[in-house]
């Protein structure tokens, strides 16, 4: 990977038509953080994106703790596993920290995200909503952007409502793009 050929910047409105239905729907959600809607370009060509959405942890002591969730982060298929995702991720996290956000929680693979200082959310005392006690929560990750931000806090993470989509509407939206074969890959978290 030649980092001199890479540009990361805020997404432009004329690029919105290229994105997945979930991102398209999140853009209209008041929790969407437009200042953290990044795209990655290689040689001027769009190859990746990462977004952030505000959410909360419902703390066991009754407080609502402001946090971010992230993604989906994506890199063009032919450029995966070449370091581009890590560069985009680390850049995005640095910008989120610079804006004063305290922590990021989301669903991901520790094998990839652990290299960017993510850990299991359970190690911070944070539980995933609707997950039965004792169920596998190894997909649920956290990173503090401010050291000690989650100290003394235990509670339940709330997935922002914008991530819940109507499957029929998503299928209709997908018809705007060239046909593609749906796949289930080993790297996916949920294999439904």
N, C-alpha and C. Protein backbone atom coordinates (compact mmCIF):
# COMPACT_ATOMS: atom_id res chain seq x y z
N UNK A 1 0.85 -1.18 0.00
CA UNK A 1 0.00 0.00 0.00
C UNK A 1 0.89 1.24 0.00
N UNK A 2 0.63 2.14 -0.91
CA UNK A 2 1.35 3.41 -0.99
C UNK A 2 0.50 4.48 -0.32
N UNK A 3 0.89 4.90 0.89
CA UNK A 3 0.10 5.89 1.63
C UNK A 3 0.09 7.25 0.94
N UNK A 4 1.06 7.51 0.08
CA UNK A 4 1.09 8.80 -0.64
C UNK A 4 -0.03 8.89 -1.66
N UNK A 5 -0.62 7.76 -2.03
CA UNK A 5 -1.69 7.70 -3.01
C UNK A 5 -3.07 7.71 -2.36
N UNK A 6 -3.11 7.87 -1.02
CA UNK A 6 -4.35 7.77 -0.25
C UNK A 6 -4.79 9.15 0.24
N UNK A 7 -6.08 9.41 0.13
CA UNK A 7 -6.69 10.61 0.69
C UNK A 7 -7.89 10.18 1.53
N UNK A 8 -8.00 10.76 2.71
CA UNK A 8 -9.19 10.54 3.54
C UNK A 8 -9.81 11.92 3.77
N UNK A 9 -11.11 12.02 3.51
CA UNK A 9 -11.81 13.29 3.65
C UNK A 9 -13.27 13.03 3.98
N UNK A 10 -14.00 14.10 4.29
CA UNK A 10 -15.44 13.98 4.52
C UNK A 10 -16.12 13.60 3.21
N UNK A 11 -17.16 12.79 3.34
CA UNK A 11 -17.93 12.38 2.17
C UNK A 11 -18.65 13.59 1.58
N UNK A 12 -18.75 13.63 0.28
CA UNK A 12 -19.47 14.70 -0.42
C UNK A 12 -20.87 14.22 -0.81
N UNK A 13 -21.78 15.15 -0.92
CA UNK A 13 -23.17 14.80 -1.19
C UNK A 13 -23.33 14.00 -2.48
N UNK A 14 -22.55 14.30 -3.50
CA UNK A 14 -22.69 13.56 -4.76
C UNK A 14 -22.22 12.12 -4.66
N UNK A 15 -21.62 11.73 -3.53
CA UNK A 15 -21.18 10.35 -3.32
C UNK A 15 -22.22 9.53 -2.55
N UNK A 16 -23.27 10.15 -2.06
CA UNK A 16 -24.28 9.46 -1.26
C UNK A 16 -24.97 8.35 -2.04
N UNK A 17 -25.10 8.50 -3.34
CA UNK A 17 -25.81 7.51 -4.14
C UNK A 17 -25.04 6.20 -4.26
N UNK A 18 -23.78 6.18 -3.83
CA UNK A 18 -22.96 4.97 -3.94
C UNK A 18 -23.07 4.06 -2.74
N UNK A 19 -23.75 4.52 -1.70
CA UNK A 19 -23.67 3.80 -0.43
C UNK A 19 -24.81 2.81 -0.21
N UNK A 20 -24.59 1.95 0.75
CA UNK A 20 -25.53 0.91 1.15
C UNK A 20 -26.78 1.53 1.78
N UNK A 21 -27.86 0.79 1.75
CA UNK A 21 -29.15 1.24 2.29
C UNK A 21 -29.04 1.69 3.75
N UNK A 22 -28.32 0.92 4.58
CA UNK A 22 -28.22 1.27 6.00
C UNK A 22 -27.61 2.66 6.17
N UNK A 23 -26.52 2.92 5.46
CA UNK A 23 -25.88 4.24 5.56
C UNK A 23 -26.82 5.31 5.02
N UNK A 24 -27.50 5.01 3.93
CA UNK A 24 -28.45 5.95 3.35
C UNK A 24 -29.52 6.33 4.36
N UNK A 25 -30.00 5.37 5.13
CA UNK A 25 -31.02 5.64 6.13
C UNK A 25 -30.45 6.36 7.35
N UNK A 26 -29.25 6.00 7.75
CA UNK A 26 -28.63 6.64 8.91
C UNK A 26 -28.38 8.13 8.68
N UNK A 27 -28.10 8.48 7.45
CA UNK A 27 -27.80 9.88 7.13
C UNK A 27 -28.93 10.82 7.59
N UNK A 28 -30.16 10.34 7.58
CA UNK A 28 -31.29 11.18 8.01
C UNK A 28 -31.58 11.10 9.49
N UNK A 29 -30.83 10.29 10.21
CA UNK A 29 -31.04 10.12 11.66
C UNK A 29 -30.35 11.26 12.40
N UNK A 30 -31.03 11.90 13.37
CA UNK A 30 -30.39 13.00 14.11
C UNK A 30 -29.14 12.57 14.87
N UNK A 31 -28.96 11.27 15.11
CA UNK A 31 -27.78 10.78 15.81
C UNK A 31 -26.56 10.65 14.90
N UNK A 32 -26.77 10.74 13.59
CA UNK A 32 -25.67 10.62 12.62
C UNK A 32 -24.70 11.79 12.80
N UNK A 33 -23.41 11.50 12.83
CA UNK A 33 -22.38 12.54 13.02
C UNK A 33 -21.75 12.85 11.66
N UNK A 34 -22.27 13.86 10.99
CA UNK A 34 -21.80 14.18 9.64
C UNK A 34 -20.33 14.61 9.62
N UNK A 35 -19.84 15.13 10.75
CA UNK A 35 -18.44 15.55 10.84
C UNK A 35 -17.49 14.35 10.91
N UNK A 36 -18.06 13.16 11.04
CA UNK A 36 -17.26 11.93 11.10
C UNK A 36 -17.70 10.94 10.01
N UNK A 37 -18.11 11.45 8.88
CA UNK A 37 -18.54 10.64 7.73
C UNK A 37 -17.41 10.68 6.71
N UNK A 38 -16.48 9.74 6.83
CA UNK A 38 -15.25 9.78 6.04
C UNK A 38 -15.26 8.80 4.88
N UNK A 39 -14.63 9.22 3.79
CA UNK A 39 -14.36 8.33 2.66
C UNK A 39 -12.86 8.28 2.44
N UNK A 40 -12.42 7.18 1.86
CA UNK A 40 -11.02 7.00 1.51
C UNK A 40 -10.92 6.89 0.00
N UNK A 41 -9.96 7.60 -0.57
CA UNK A 41 -9.72 7.55 -2.00
C UNK A 41 -8.30 7.08 -2.27
N UNK A 42 -8.15 6.31 -3.32
CA UNK A 42 -6.83 5.86 -3.78
C UNK A 42 -6.71 6.32 -5.22
N UNK A 43 -5.74 7.17 -5.47
CA UNK A 43 -5.59 7.70 -6.82
C UNK A 43 -6.82 8.44 -7.29
N UNK A 44 -7.55 9.07 -6.36
CA UNK A 44 -8.75 9.82 -6.69
C UNK A 44 -10.01 8.99 -6.80
N UNK A 45 -9.90 7.65 -6.65
CA UNK A 45 -11.06 6.76 -6.77
C UNK A 45 -11.52 6.33 -5.38
N UNK A 46 -12.83 6.41 -5.15
CA UNK A 46 -13.42 6.04 -3.87
C UNK A 46 -13.22 4.55 -3.60
N UNK A 47 -12.59 4.23 -2.44
CA UNK A 47 -12.34 2.83 -2.12
C UNK A 47 -12.86 2.42 -0.74
N UNK A 48 -13.28 3.38 0.09
CA UNK A 48 -13.72 3.00 1.42
C UNK A 48 -14.52 4.09 2.11
N UNK A 49 -15.16 3.70 3.23
CA UNK A 49 -15.96 4.64 4.00
C UNK A 49 -16.05 4.19 5.44
N UNK A 50 -16.19 5.14 6.34
CA UNK A 50 -16.49 4.86 7.74
C UNK A 50 -17.37 5.98 8.28
N UNK A 51 -18.35 5.61 9.09
CA UNK A 51 -19.27 6.58 9.68
C UNK A 51 -19.40 6.34 11.18
N UNK A 52 -19.94 7.34 11.87
CA UNK A 52 -20.20 7.26 13.31
C UNK A 52 -21.60 7.79 13.61
N UNK A 53 -22.21 7.20 14.64
CA UNK A 53 -23.55 7.59 15.08
C UNK A 53 -23.51 7.70 16.60
N UNK A 54 -24.15 8.75 17.13
CA UNK A 54 -24.25 8.91 18.59
C UNK A 54 -25.23 7.89 19.17
N UNK A 55 -24.90 7.40 20.35
CA UNK A 55 -25.81 6.53 21.08
C UNK A 55 -25.49 6.66 22.57
N UNK A 56 -26.07 5.79 23.37
CA UNK A 56 -25.85 5.87 24.82
C UNK A 56 -25.64 4.49 25.42
N UNK A 57 -25.08 4.52 26.61
CA UNK A 57 -25.09 3.38 27.50
C UNK A 57 -26.08 3.73 28.60
N UNK A 58 -27.07 2.86 28.81
CA UNK A 58 -27.99 3.02 29.94
C UNK A 58 -27.25 2.44 31.15
N UNK A 59 -26.67 3.34 31.94
CA UNK A 59 -25.87 2.90 33.08
C UNK A 59 -26.75 2.28 34.17
N UNK A 60 -26.18 1.35 34.89
CA UNK A 60 -26.92 0.67 35.96
C UNK A 60 -27.32 1.65 37.07
N UNK A 61 -26.64 2.78 37.17
CA UNK A 61 -26.98 3.77 38.20
C UNK A 61 -28.01 4.79 37.72
N UNK A 62 -28.58 4.56 36.52
CA UNK A 62 -29.65 5.42 36.01
C UNK A 62 -29.21 6.50 35.05
N UNK A 63 -27.93 6.73 34.92
CA UNK A 63 -27.45 7.76 33.99
C UNK A 63 -27.44 7.25 32.55
N UNK A 64 -27.51 8.20 31.60
CA UNK A 64 -27.27 7.91 30.20
C UNK A 64 -25.87 8.41 29.87
N UNK A 65 -25.00 7.52 29.41
CA UNK A 65 -23.61 7.86 29.11
C UNK A 65 -23.48 7.98 27.60
N UNK A 66 -23.10 9.16 27.13
CA UNK A 66 -22.96 9.40 25.69
C UNK A 66 -21.74 8.68 25.14
N UNK A 67 -21.96 7.92 24.06
CA UNK A 67 -20.89 7.22 23.36
C UNK A 67 -21.19 7.26 21.86
N UNK A 68 -20.28 6.72 21.09
CA UNK A 68 -20.46 6.58 19.65
C UNK A 68 -20.56 5.10 19.31
N UNK A 69 -21.20 4.83 18.18
CA UNK A 69 -21.06 3.54 17.53
C UNK A 69 -20.50 3.84 16.14
N UNK A 70 -20.02 2.84 15.48
CA UNK A 70 -19.28 3.07 14.25
C UNK A 70 -19.69 2.07 13.18
N UNK A 71 -19.61 2.52 11.96
CA UNK A 71 -19.72 1.63 10.83
C UNK A 71 -21.12 1.54 10.25
N UNK A 72 -21.23 0.80 9.21
CA UNK A 72 -20.22 -0.14 8.76
C UNK A 72 -19.02 0.55 8.11
N UNK A 73 -17.82 0.10 8.49
CA UNK A 73 -16.60 0.54 7.82
C UNK A 73 -16.40 -0.42 6.65
N UNK A 74 -16.05 0.12 5.51
CA UNK A 74 -15.89 -0.77 4.36
C UNK A 74 -14.73 -0.32 3.48
N UNK A 75 -14.14 -1.30 2.84
CA UNK A 75 -13.08 -1.11 1.85
C UNK A 75 -13.47 -1.93 0.64
N UNK A 76 -13.21 -1.39 -0.54
CA UNK A 76 -13.54 -2.08 -1.78
C UNK A 76 -12.97 -3.51 -1.74
N UNK A 77 -13.74 -4.47 -2.22
CA UNK A 77 -13.39 -5.89 -2.10
C UNK A 77 -11.99 -6.23 -2.59
N UNK A 78 -11.58 -5.69 -3.73
CA UNK A 78 -10.27 -6.07 -4.28
C UNK A 78 -9.10 -5.47 -3.51
N UNK A 79 -9.37 -4.59 -2.54
CA UNK A 79 -8.30 -3.97 -1.75
C UNK A 79 -8.32 -4.39 -0.28
N UNK A 80 -9.19 -5.34 0.06
CA UNK A 80 -9.26 -5.79 1.45
C UNK A 80 -7.99 -6.55 1.83
N UNK A 81 -7.69 -6.52 3.13
CA UNK A 81 -6.55 -7.22 3.72
C UNK A 81 -5.20 -6.69 3.23
N UNK A 82 -5.20 -5.39 2.89
CA UNK A 82 -3.95 -4.75 2.45
C UNK A 82 -3.59 -3.55 3.33
N UNK A 83 -4.32 -3.34 4.43
CA UNK A 83 -4.00 -2.27 5.36
C UNK A 83 -4.82 -1.01 5.21
N UNK A 84 -5.64 -0.91 4.18
CA UNK A 84 -6.44 0.30 3.96
C UNK A 84 -7.47 0.50 5.07
N UNK A 85 -8.12 -0.58 5.47
CA UNK A 85 -9.12 -0.48 6.53
C UNK A 85 -8.54 0.04 7.83
N UNK A 86 -7.36 -0.42 8.19
CA UNK A 86 -6.71 0.02 9.43
C UNK A 86 -6.37 1.51 9.35
N UNK A 87 -5.89 1.96 8.21
CA UNK A 87 -5.56 3.38 8.04
C UNK A 87 -6.82 4.23 8.19
N UNK A 88 -7.91 3.83 7.54
CA UNK A 88 -9.17 4.56 7.63
C UNK A 88 -9.72 4.53 9.06
N UNK A 89 -9.66 3.38 9.69
CA UNK A 89 -10.14 3.23 11.06
C UNK A 89 -9.38 4.14 12.01
N UNK A 90 -8.07 4.07 11.98
CA UNK A 90 -7.26 4.86 12.92
C UNK A 90 -7.43 6.36 12.69
N UNK A 91 -7.53 6.78 11.44
CA UNK A 91 -7.78 8.19 11.12
C UNK A 91 -9.12 8.63 11.70
N UNK A 92 -10.15 7.82 11.48
CA UNK A 92 -11.50 8.14 11.96
C UNK A 92 -11.55 8.24 13.48
N UNK A 93 -10.91 7.30 14.15
CA UNK A 93 -10.91 7.31 15.62
C UNK A 93 -10.17 8.54 16.16
N UNK A 94 -9.09 8.91 15.51
CA UNK A 94 -8.35 10.10 15.93
C UNK A 94 -9.22 11.36 15.81
N UNK A 95 -9.97 11.45 14.73
CA UNK A 95 -10.86 12.60 14.54
C UNK A 95 -11.99 12.60 15.57
N UNK A 96 -12.55 11.42 15.87
CA UNK A 96 -13.62 11.33 16.88
C UNK A 96 -13.10 11.75 18.24
N UNK A 97 -11.90 11.31 18.59
CA UNK A 97 -11.29 11.71 19.86
C UNK A 97 -11.05 13.21 19.89
N UNK A 98 -10.61 13.77 18.78
CA UNK A 98 -10.37 15.21 18.68
C UNK A 98 -11.62 16.04 18.84
N UNK A 99 -12.78 15.45 18.56
CA UNK A 99 -14.06 16.15 18.74
C UNK A 99 -14.57 16.01 20.17
N UNK A 100 -13.84 15.26 21.01
CA UNK A 100 -14.21 15.15 22.41
C UNK A 100 -15.07 13.96 22.79
N UNK A 101 -15.32 13.05 21.85
CA UNK A 101 -16.10 11.87 22.18
C UNK A 101 -15.29 10.96 23.10
N UNK A 102 -15.99 10.27 24.03
CA UNK A 102 -15.31 9.50 25.07
C UNK A 102 -15.05 8.04 24.77
N UNK A 103 -15.94 7.39 24.00
CA UNK A 103 -15.79 5.96 23.74
C UNK A 103 -16.58 5.57 22.49
N UNK A 104 -16.14 4.47 21.87
CA UNK A 104 -16.80 3.89 20.71
C UNK A 104 -17.12 2.43 21.03
N UNK A 105 -18.36 2.03 20.81
CA UNK A 105 -18.78 0.64 20.99
C UNK A 105 -19.47 0.18 19.71
N UNK A 106 -19.23 -1.04 19.32
CA UNK A 106 -19.87 -1.57 18.12
C UNK A 106 -19.63 -3.07 18.01
N UNK A 107 -20.20 -3.65 16.97
CA UNK A 107 -20.07 -5.07 16.72
C UNK A 107 -18.97 -5.28 15.71
N UNK A 108 -17.97 -6.09 16.06
CA UNK A 108 -16.86 -6.32 15.15
C UNK A 108 -16.02 -7.52 15.55
N UNK A 109 -14.98 -7.74 14.78
CA UNK A 109 -14.09 -8.88 14.96
C UNK A 109 -12.84 -8.41 15.71
N UNK A 110 -12.60 -8.97 16.89
CA UNK A 110 -11.45 -8.56 17.70
C UNK A 110 -10.13 -8.81 16.97
N UNK A 111 -10.11 -9.80 16.09
CA UNK A 111 -8.90 -10.09 15.32
C UNK A 111 -8.44 -8.90 14.49
N UNK A 112 -9.36 -8.13 13.98
CA UNK A 112 -9.02 -6.92 13.21
C UNK A 112 -8.95 -5.70 14.12
N UNK A 113 -9.99 -5.47 14.88
CA UNK A 113 -10.10 -4.23 15.64
C UNK A 113 -9.20 -4.18 16.88
N UNK A 114 -8.79 -5.33 17.36
CA UNK A 114 -7.86 -5.36 18.49
C UNK A 114 -6.56 -4.64 18.18
N UNK A 115 -6.14 -4.64 16.92
CA UNK A 115 -4.93 -3.94 16.50
C UNK A 115 -5.05 -2.43 16.59
N UNK A 116 -6.28 -1.94 16.77
CA UNK A 116 -6.52 -0.50 16.94
C UNK A 116 -7.02 -0.21 18.36
N UNK A 117 -6.57 -1.03 19.31
CA UNK A 117 -6.82 -0.85 20.75
C UNK A 117 -8.26 -1.08 21.19
N UNK A 118 -9.05 -1.81 20.41
CA UNK A 118 -10.37 -2.21 20.87
C UNK A 118 -10.23 -3.43 21.77
N UNK A 119 -11.16 -3.58 22.70
CA UNK A 119 -11.20 -4.71 23.60
C UNK A 119 -12.66 -5.15 23.71
N UNK A 120 -12.87 -6.29 24.33
CA UNK A 120 -14.24 -6.74 24.55
C UNK A 120 -14.95 -5.75 25.46
N UNK A 121 -16.17 -5.36 25.11
CA UNK A 121 -16.93 -4.39 25.91
C UNK A 121 -17.17 -4.90 27.32
N UNK A 122 -17.28 -6.20 27.48
CA UNK A 122 -17.49 -6.78 28.82
C UNK A 122 -16.37 -6.38 29.77
N UNK A 123 -15.16 -6.18 29.24
CA UNK A 123 -14.02 -5.79 30.08
C UNK A 123 -14.15 -4.36 30.59
N UNK A 124 -15.10 -3.61 30.04
CA UNK A 124 -15.41 -2.26 30.50
C UNK A 124 -16.68 -2.24 31.34
N UNK A 125 -17.31 -3.41 31.52
CA UNK A 125 -18.55 -3.48 32.28
C UNK A 125 -19.79 -3.13 31.47
N UNK A 126 -19.66 -3.18 30.14
CA UNK A 126 -20.77 -2.79 29.27
C UNK A 126 -21.35 -4.05 28.63
N UNK A 127 -22.67 -4.18 28.69
CA UNK A 127 -23.39 -5.32 28.14
C UNK A 127 -24.12 -4.92 26.86
N UNK A 128 -24.30 -5.89 25.99
CA UNK A 128 -25.02 -5.67 24.74
C UNK A 128 -26.51 -5.87 25.00
N UNK A 129 -27.34 -4.91 24.57
CA UNK A 129 -28.78 -5.01 24.80
C UNK A 129 -29.35 -6.30 24.22
N UNK A 130 -30.37 -6.80 24.86
CA UNK A 130 -31.12 -7.98 24.40
C UNK A 130 -30.30 -9.26 24.33
N UNK A 131 -29.09 -9.27 24.85
CA UNK A 131 -28.29 -10.48 24.81
C UNK A 131 -28.45 -11.22 26.14
N UNK A 132 -28.91 -12.45 26.10
CA UNK A 132 -29.11 -13.21 27.34
C UNK A 132 -27.80 -13.35 28.12
N UNK A 133 -27.91 -13.37 29.42
CA UNK A 133 -26.73 -13.53 30.27
C UNK A 133 -26.04 -14.84 29.94
N UNK A 134 -24.71 -14.79 29.80
CA UNK A 134 -23.93 -15.98 29.48
C UNK A 134 -23.79 -16.27 28.00
N UNK A 135 -24.52 -15.51 27.16
CA UNK A 135 -24.41 -15.71 25.70
C UNK A 135 -23.08 -15.16 25.21
N UNK A 136 -22.63 -15.66 24.07
CA UNK A 136 -21.37 -15.22 23.49
C UNK A 136 -21.46 -13.74 23.10
N UNK A 137 -20.63 -12.92 23.72
CA UNK A 137 -20.62 -11.48 23.42
C UNK A 137 -19.28 -11.06 22.83
N UNK A 138 -18.55 -12.02 22.26
CA UNK A 138 -17.21 -11.71 21.74
C UNK A 138 -17.23 -10.80 20.52
N UNK A 139 -18.39 -10.56 19.95
CA UNK A 139 -18.54 -9.65 18.81
C UNK A 139 -18.66 -8.19 19.25
N UNK A 140 -18.89 -7.97 20.54
CA UNK A 140 -19.21 -6.62 21.04
C UNK A 140 -17.95 -5.97 21.61
N UNK A 141 -17.50 -4.92 20.94
CA UNK A 141 -16.19 -4.32 21.23
C UNK A 141 -16.31 -2.88 21.70
N UNK A 142 -15.26 -2.42 22.37
CA UNK A 142 -15.23 -1.06 22.91
C UNK A 142 -13.81 -0.52 22.87
N UNK A 143 -13.73 0.78 22.67
CA UNK A 143 -12.46 1.50 22.82
C UNK A 143 -12.75 2.85 23.45
N UNK A 144 -12.06 3.14 24.53
CA UNK A 144 -12.14 4.48 25.11
C UNK A 144 -11.33 5.43 24.24
N UNK A 145 -11.90 6.59 23.96
CA UNK A 145 -11.17 7.64 23.25
C UNK A 145 -10.58 8.63 24.24
N UNK A 146 -11.16 8.67 25.42
CA UNK A 146 -10.64 9.44 26.56
C UNK A 146 -10.31 8.44 27.64
N UNK A 147 -9.07 8.41 28.06
CA UNK A 147 -8.67 7.45 29.09
C UNK A 147 -9.55 7.61 30.34
N UNK A 148 -10.08 6.50 30.82
CA UNK A 148 -10.89 6.50 32.03
C UNK A 148 -12.33 6.93 31.84
N UNK A 149 -12.76 7.18 30.62
CA UNK A 149 -14.11 7.66 30.35
C UNK A 149 -15.18 6.73 30.91
N UNK A 150 -14.93 5.44 30.86
CA UNK A 150 -15.92 4.46 31.32
C UNK A 150 -15.61 3.92 32.71
N UNK A 151 -14.64 4.50 33.40
CA UNK A 151 -14.31 4.04 34.76
C UNK A 151 -15.54 4.14 35.66
N UNK A 152 -15.83 3.07 36.37
CA UNK A 152 -16.92 3.07 37.33
C UNK A 152 -18.30 2.95 36.70
N UNK A 153 -18.36 2.75 35.39
CA UNK A 153 -19.64 2.66 34.70
C UNK A 153 -19.90 1.21 34.30
N UNK A 154 -21.06 0.73 34.64
CA UNK A 154 -21.56 -0.54 34.11
C UNK A 154 -22.93 -0.24 33.53
N UNK A 155 -23.30 -0.98 32.50
CA UNK A 155 -24.61 -0.72 31.92
C UNK A 155 -24.81 -1.42 30.60
N UNK A 156 -25.87 -1.02 29.91
CA UNK A 156 -26.31 -1.67 28.68
C UNK A 156 -26.22 -0.69 27.51
N UNK A 157 -25.51 -1.12 26.49
CA UNK A 157 -25.37 -0.36 25.24
C UNK A 157 -26.68 -0.40 24.47
N UNK A 158 -27.03 0.73 23.88
CA UNK A 158 -28.26 0.84 23.09
C UNK A 158 -27.90 1.03 21.62
N UNK A 159 -28.25 0.08 20.77
CA UNK A 159 -28.03 0.24 19.34
C UNK A 159 -28.93 1.37 18.83
N UNK A 160 -28.38 2.35 18.11
CA UNK A 160 -29.23 3.42 17.58
C UNK A 160 -30.33 2.87 16.67
N UNK A 161 -31.51 3.46 16.77
CA UNK A 161 -32.67 3.00 16.01
C UNK A 161 -32.42 3.00 14.50
N UNK A 162 -31.57 3.90 14.02
CA UNK A 162 -31.30 3.99 12.59
C UNK A 162 -30.70 2.73 11.99
N UNK A 163 -30.12 1.88 12.81
CA UNK A 163 -29.52 0.64 12.30
C UNK A 163 -30.57 -0.45 12.06
N UNK A 164 -31.77 -0.27 12.58
CA UNK A 164 -32.83 -1.25 12.35
C UNK A 164 -33.53 -0.87 11.06
N UNK A 165 -33.43 -1.71 10.06
CA UNK A 165 -33.99 -1.38 8.75
C UNK A 165 -35.05 -2.39 8.35
N UNK A 166 -35.93 -1.94 7.50
CA UNK A 166 -36.96 -2.79 6.93
C UNK A 166 -36.33 -3.57 5.77
N UNK A 167 -36.34 -4.89 5.88
CA UNK A 167 -35.70 -5.74 4.86
C UNK A 167 -36.29 -5.51 3.46
N UNK A 168 -37.60 -5.34 3.39
CA UNK A 168 -38.25 -5.14 2.09
C UNK A 168 -37.79 -3.82 1.46
N UNK A 169 -37.68 -2.78 2.29
CA UNK A 169 -37.21 -1.49 1.78
C UNK A 169 -35.75 -1.59 1.33
N UNK A 170 -34.94 -2.33 2.06
CA UNK A 170 -33.53 -2.52 1.68
C UNK A 170 -33.43 -3.24 0.34
N UNK A 171 -34.26 -4.27 0.15
CA UNK A 171 -34.26 -5.01 -1.12
C UNK A 171 -34.65 -4.09 -2.28
N UNK A 172 -35.64 -3.25 -2.04
CA UNK A 172 -36.10 -2.30 -3.08
C UNK A 172 -34.97 -1.31 -3.41
N UNK A 173 -34.30 -0.82 -2.39
CA UNK A 173 -33.19 0.12 -2.57
C UNK A 173 -32.07 -0.53 -3.38
N UNK A 174 -31.78 -1.79 -3.10
CA UNK A 174 -30.70 -2.50 -3.80
C UNK A 174 -30.96 -2.63 -5.29
N UNK A 175 -32.22 -2.54 -5.70
CA UNK A 175 -32.54 -2.65 -7.13
C UNK A 175 -32.02 -1.45 -7.92
N UNK A 176 -31.61 -0.37 -7.22
CA UNK A 176 -31.05 0.80 -7.89
C UNK A 176 -29.62 0.55 -8.37
N UNK A 177 -29.02 -0.57 -7.94
CA UNK A 177 -27.64 -0.88 -8.25
C UNK A 177 -27.58 -2.09 -9.18
N UNK A 178 -26.44 -2.28 -9.86
CA UNK A 178 -26.30 -3.48 -10.69
C UNK A 178 -26.49 -4.73 -9.84
N UNK A 179 -27.06 -5.79 -10.42
CA UNK A 179 -27.31 -7.01 -9.65
C UNK A 179 -26.00 -7.56 -9.06
N UNK A 180 -26.11 -8.11 -7.86
CA UNK A 180 -24.95 -8.75 -7.24
C UNK A 180 -25.43 -9.96 -6.47
N UNK A 181 -24.53 -10.89 -6.32
CA UNK A 181 -24.85 -12.12 -5.60
C UNK A 181 -24.62 -11.89 -4.12
N UNK A 182 -25.64 -12.19 -3.30
CA UNK A 182 -25.48 -12.09 -1.85
C UNK A 182 -24.66 -13.27 -1.38
N UNK A 183 -23.68 -12.95 -0.54
CA UNK A 183 -22.79 -14.00 -0.04
C UNK A 183 -22.75 -13.96 1.48
N UNK A 184 -22.38 -15.06 2.06
CA UNK A 184 -22.11 -15.14 3.49
C UNK A 184 -20.64 -15.51 3.61
N UNK A 185 -19.86 -14.57 4.11
CA UNK A 185 -18.42 -14.75 4.20
C UNK A 185 -17.99 -15.08 5.62
N UNK A 186 -16.88 -15.76 5.76
CA UNK A 186 -16.35 -16.11 7.07
C UNK A 186 -16.09 -14.89 7.93
N UNK A 187 -15.79 -13.75 7.31
CA UNK A 187 -15.47 -12.54 8.07
C UNK A 187 -16.70 -11.86 8.64
N UNK A 188 -17.92 -12.26 8.23
CA UNK A 188 -19.13 -11.66 8.75
C UNK A 188 -19.38 -12.09 10.19
N UNK A 189 -19.92 -11.18 10.98
CA UNK A 189 -20.19 -11.50 12.37
C UNK A 189 -21.38 -12.42 12.48
N UNK A 190 -22.49 -12.04 11.86
CA UNK A 190 -23.71 -12.83 11.95
C UNK A 190 -23.92 -13.56 10.64
N UNK A 191 -24.13 -14.84 10.71
CA UNK A 191 -24.29 -15.69 9.54
C UNK A 191 -25.74 -16.13 9.38
N UNK A 192 -26.69 -15.19 9.42
CA UNK A 192 -28.11 -15.57 9.36
C UNK A 192 -28.51 -16.06 8.01
